Protein backbone atom coordinates (compact mmCIF):
# COMPACT_ATOMS: atom_id res chain seq x y z
CA UNK A 1 -0.03 0.28 -0.03
CA UNK A 2 1.91 3.69 -0.84
CA UNK A 3 1.87 5.76 2.03
CA UNK A 4 0.37 9.49 1.13
CA UNK A 5 1.43 12.01 2.57
CA UNK A 6 1.57 13.65 5.93
CA UNK A 7 -0.39 17.33 5.39
CA UNK A 8 0.74 20.20 7.59
CA UNK A 9 -1.74 20.72 10.37
CA UNK A 10 -0.06 24.17 11.29
CA UNK A 11 2.36 26.51 9.61
CA UNK A 12 5.61 25.56 9.28
CA UNK A 13 7.91 27.25 12.49
CA UNK A 14 11.40 26.94 13.38
CA UNK A 15 12.36 25.15 17.18
CA UNK A 16 14.37 26.77 20.06
CA UNK A 17 17.08 24.32 18.34
CA UNK A 18 16.98 26.00 14.59
CA UNK A 19 14.95 23.39 12.81
CA UNK A 20 12.42 23.78 10.93
CA UNK A 21 9.34 21.96 12.12
CA UNK A 22 5.80 21.46 12.00
CA UNK A 23 2.32 19.43 12.93
CA UNK A 24 0.79 16.67 10.33
CA UNK A 25 -2.61 16.43 10.42
CA UNK A 26 -1.49 13.18 12.09
CA UNK A 27 -1.51 15.36 15.37
CA UNK A 28 3.23 14.27 15.57
CA UNK A 29 5.65 17.07 15.38
CA UNK A 30 7.27 16.44 12.12
CA UNK A 31 11.42 18.19 12.28
CA UNK A 32 13.05 19.19 8.65
CA UNK A 33 16.23 19.19 9.90
CA UNK A 34 18.77 21.90 8.55
CA UNK A 35 21.05 20.75 5.43
CA UNK A 36 24.64 21.39 6.08
CA UNK A 37 26.55 24.08 4.38
CA UNK A 38 28.15 22.02 1.63
CA UNK A 39 29.76 22.93 -1.71
CA UNK A 40 29.31 20.81 -4.89
CA UNK A 41 32.50 18.31 -4.23
CA UNK A 42 31.19 17.64 -0.41
CA UNK A 43 27.29 17.17 -2.37
CA UNK A 44 28.87 14.55 -4.75
CA UNK A 45 30.38 12.52 -1.81
CA UNK A 46 27.38 13.49 0.32
CA UNK A 47 24.89 11.36 -2.71
CA UNK A 48 27.63 8.68 -3.02
CA UNK A 49 27.48 7.62 0.12
CA UNK A 50 23.72 8.25 1.00
CA UNK A 51 23.16 5.84 -1.80
CA UNK A 52 25.79 3.03 -0.35
CA UNK A 53 23.44 2.46 1.99
CA UNK A 54 20.10 2.78 0.25
CA UNK A 55 20.17 -1.22 0.60
CA UNK A 56 20.66 -1.28 3.88
CA UNK A 57 17.82 1.57 4.76
CA UNK A 58 15.69 -0.71 2.44
CA UNK A 59 16.39 -3.61 5.46
CA UNK A 60 15.52 -0.74 7.66
CA UNK A 61 12.53 -0.02 6.64
CA UNK A 62 11.39 -3.55 6.56
CA UNK A 63 12.44 -4.73 9.58
CA UNK A 64 10.16 -1.11 11.27
CA UNK A 65 6.99 -2.66 9.56
CA UNK A 66 7.70 -6.23 10.39
CA UNK A 67 7.65 -5.20 14.00
CA UNK A 68 4.65 -2.43 13.25
CA UNK A 69 2.71 -5.39 12.88
CA UNK A 70 3.65 -7.89 15.41
CA UNK A 71 3.47 -4.95 17.90
CA UNK A 72 -0.14 -3.07 17.05
CA UNK A 73 -3.21 -4.34 17.92
CA UNK A 74 -6.35 -3.63 19.88
CA UNK A 75 -4.48 -1.94 22.79
CA UNK A 76 -1.54 -0.20 20.73
CA UNK A 77 -2.92 1.73 17.55
CA UNK A 78 -0.34 1.34 14.84
CA UNK A 79 0.11 5.27 15.22
CA UNK A 80 1.27 4.92 18.61
CA UNK A 81 3.44 1.85 17.53
CA UNK A 82 5.06 4.24 15.05
CA UNK A 83 5.38 7.21 17.60
CA UNK A 84 6.38 5.27 19.83
CA UNK A 85 8.93 3.17 17.93
CA UNK A 86 10.56 6.60 16.33
CA UNK A 87 10.98 8.28 19.61
CA UNK A 88 12.30 5.32 20.77
CA UNK A 89 15.04 4.95 18.08
CA UNK A 90 15.59 8.70 18.23
CA UNK A 91 16.84 7.92 21.52
CA UNK A 92 18.98 5.17 20.87
CA UNK A 93 20.96 6.31 17.87
CA UNK A 94 21.25 10.46 19.76
CA UNK A 95 25.11 10.13 21.01
CA UNK A 96 23.47 12.47 23.63
CA UNK A 97 27.21 15.17 22.80
CA UNK A 98 25.59 18.38 22.82
CA UNK A 99 28.28 19.39 20.64
CA UNK A 100 26.48 17.36 17.57
CA UNK A 101 23.46 19.06 15.71
CA UNK A 102 19.89 17.42 16.18
CA UNK A 103 19.00 15.22 14.74
């Protein structure tokens, strides 16, 4: 099934960290982080690394979908499970170093 795009429910705003954020029509907060300043050579390098990680990202998507299928039920909606998954991943992957930009 093809996912439908999320429609912003409110005007995008900049949060305290300088990220562009908005509330979607599903009630969740979406963060559009600022892109790093890159020159053309760096853009090519970044694109090559992203392409190299494409298969692994597809695996992650599959695993996340499997996890959602397994944990969702009458007492845990898919949207609640997805919010739990995303917040858990963000906490697990955030190094907590204040010098690093937010995820």
